[in-house]
Protein backbone atom coordinates (compact mmCIF):
# COMPACT_ATOMS: atom_id res chain seq x y z
CA UNK A 1 -63.07 13.82 16.01
CA UNK A 2 -62.07 10.45 17.51
CA UNK A 3 -61.80 8.90 14.06
CA UNK A 4 -59.42 11.60 12.91
CA UNK A 5 -57.12 10.87 15.85
CA UNK A 6 -57.19 7.14 15.12
CA UNK A 7 -56.46 7.76 11.43
CA UNK A 8 -53.62 10.09 12.39
CA UNK A 9 -52.19 7.43 14.72
CA UNK A 10 -52.37 4.79 11.96
CA UNK A 11 -50.70 7.18 9.53
CA UNK A 12 -47.95 7.97 12.05
CA UNK A 13 -47.40 4.24 12.73
CA UNK A 14 -47.13 3.58 8.99
CA UNK A 15 -44.63 6.41 8.55
CA UNK A 16 -42.58 5.26 11.54
CA UNK A 17 -42.53 1.74 10.10
CA UNK A 18 -41.23 3.10 6.77
CA UNK A 19 -38.54 5.08 8.57
CA UNK A 20 -37.53 2.05 10.62
CA UNK A 21 -37.26 -0.04 7.43
CA UNK A 22 -35.11 2.59 5.76
CA UNK A 23 -32.95 2.91 8.86
CA UNK A 24 -32.46 -0.85 9.01
CA UNK A 25 -31.44 -0.96 5.34
CA UNK A 26 -28.95 1.89 5.78
CA UNK A 27 -27.53 0.31 8.93
CA UNK A 28 -26.83 -2.89 6.98
CA UNK A 29 -25.17 -0.92 4.21
CA UNK A 30 -22.95 0.95 6.68
CA UNK A 31 -21.97 -2.33 8.36
CA UNK A 32 -20.98 -3.81 4.98
CA UNK A 33 -18.90 -0.74 4.09
CA UNK A 34 -17.24 -0.83 7.51
CA UNK A 35 -16.31 -4.50 7.08
CA UNK A 36 -14.93 -3.80 3.61
CA UNK A 37 -12.84 -0.91 4.96
CA UNK A 38 -11.43 -3.07 7.75
CA UNK A 39 -10.51 -5.77 5.22
CA UNK A 40 -8.89 -3.19 2.94
CA UNK A 41 -6.95 -1.74 5.88
CA UNK A 42 -5.65 -5.18 6.86
CA UNK A 43 -4.61 -5.96 3.28
CA UNK A 44 -2.81 -2.64 2.82
CA UNK A 45 -0.95 -3.11 6.11
CA UNK A 46 0.15 -6.56 4.92
CA UNK A 47 1.24 -5.17 1.53
CA UNK A 48 3.07 -2.29 3.22
CA UNK A 49 5.02 -4.76 5.34
CA UNK A 50 6.00 -6.68 2.18
CA UNK A 51 7.04 -3.50 0.38
CA UNK A 52 8.92 -2.29 3.43
CA UNK A 53 10.79 -5.60 3.65
CA UNK A 54 11.74 -5.41 -0.03
CA UNK A 55 12.92 -1.82 0.40
CA UNK A 56 15.07 -2.90 3.35
CA UNK A 57 16.69 -5.59 1.19
CA UNK A 58 17.31 -3.16 -1.68
CA UNK A 59 18.79 -0.65 0.76
CA UNK A 60 21.16 -3.31 2.12
CA UNK A 61 22.20 -4.35 -1.37
CA UNK A 62 22.91 -0.72 -2.33
CA UNK A 63 25.01 -0.26 0.83
CA UNK A 64 26.93 -3.46 0.02
CA UNK A 65 27.49 -2.34 -3.57
CA UNK A 66 28.67 1.07 -2.40
CA UNK A 67 31.15 -0.63 -0.07
CA UNK A 68 32.38 -3.03 -2.79
CA UNK A 69 32.46 -0.54 -5.69
CA UNK A 70 36.03 0.79 -5.18
CA UNK A 71 37.42 -2.75 -5.26
CA UNK A 72 35.36 -3.70 -8.32
CA UNK A 73 36.49 -0.61 -10.25
CA UNK A 74 40.10 -1.04 -9.14
CA UNK A 75 40.16 -4.68 -10.25
CA UNK A 76 38.66 -3.77 -13.63
CA UNK A 77 41.20 -1.00 -14.22
CA UNK A 78 44.13 -3.24 -13.23
CA UNK A 79 42.86 -6.02 -15.52
CA UNK A 80 42.50 -3.67 -18.46
CA UNK A 81 45.98 -2.24 -17.88
CA UNK A 82 47.50 -5.72 -17.81
CA UNK A 83 45.82 -6.65 -21.10
CA UNK A 84 47.19 -3.61 -22.97
CA UNK A 85 50.38 -4.07 -24.91
CA UNK A 86 53.25 -2.11 -23.42
CA UNK A 87 54.08 1.08 -25.30
CA UNK A 88 57.70 1.53 -26.22
CA UNK A 89 59.27 4.48 -24.46
CA UNK A 90 60.43 7.43 -26.48
CA UNK A 91 64.17 7.80 -26.58
CA UNK A 92 65.35 10.84 -24.66
């Protein structure tokens, strides 16, 4: 009976060792994935700031264009009217 207990203990120790090895491997994998996620998060935050800055500039340019558009159109219409030959008036 004593030998069966010793064999069972050895078997349990072997199985625990296998589980510990698997756990250690998985822990390393999870750490690597976590680091990669943190890096990805930092990069996307940086990219978002760049995109947000560009959108702010585009927004400002659109506001400026909207403000300047009446003057641009008015100048173009006046220039085109000046370049047209005058039509003779119909006699009444």
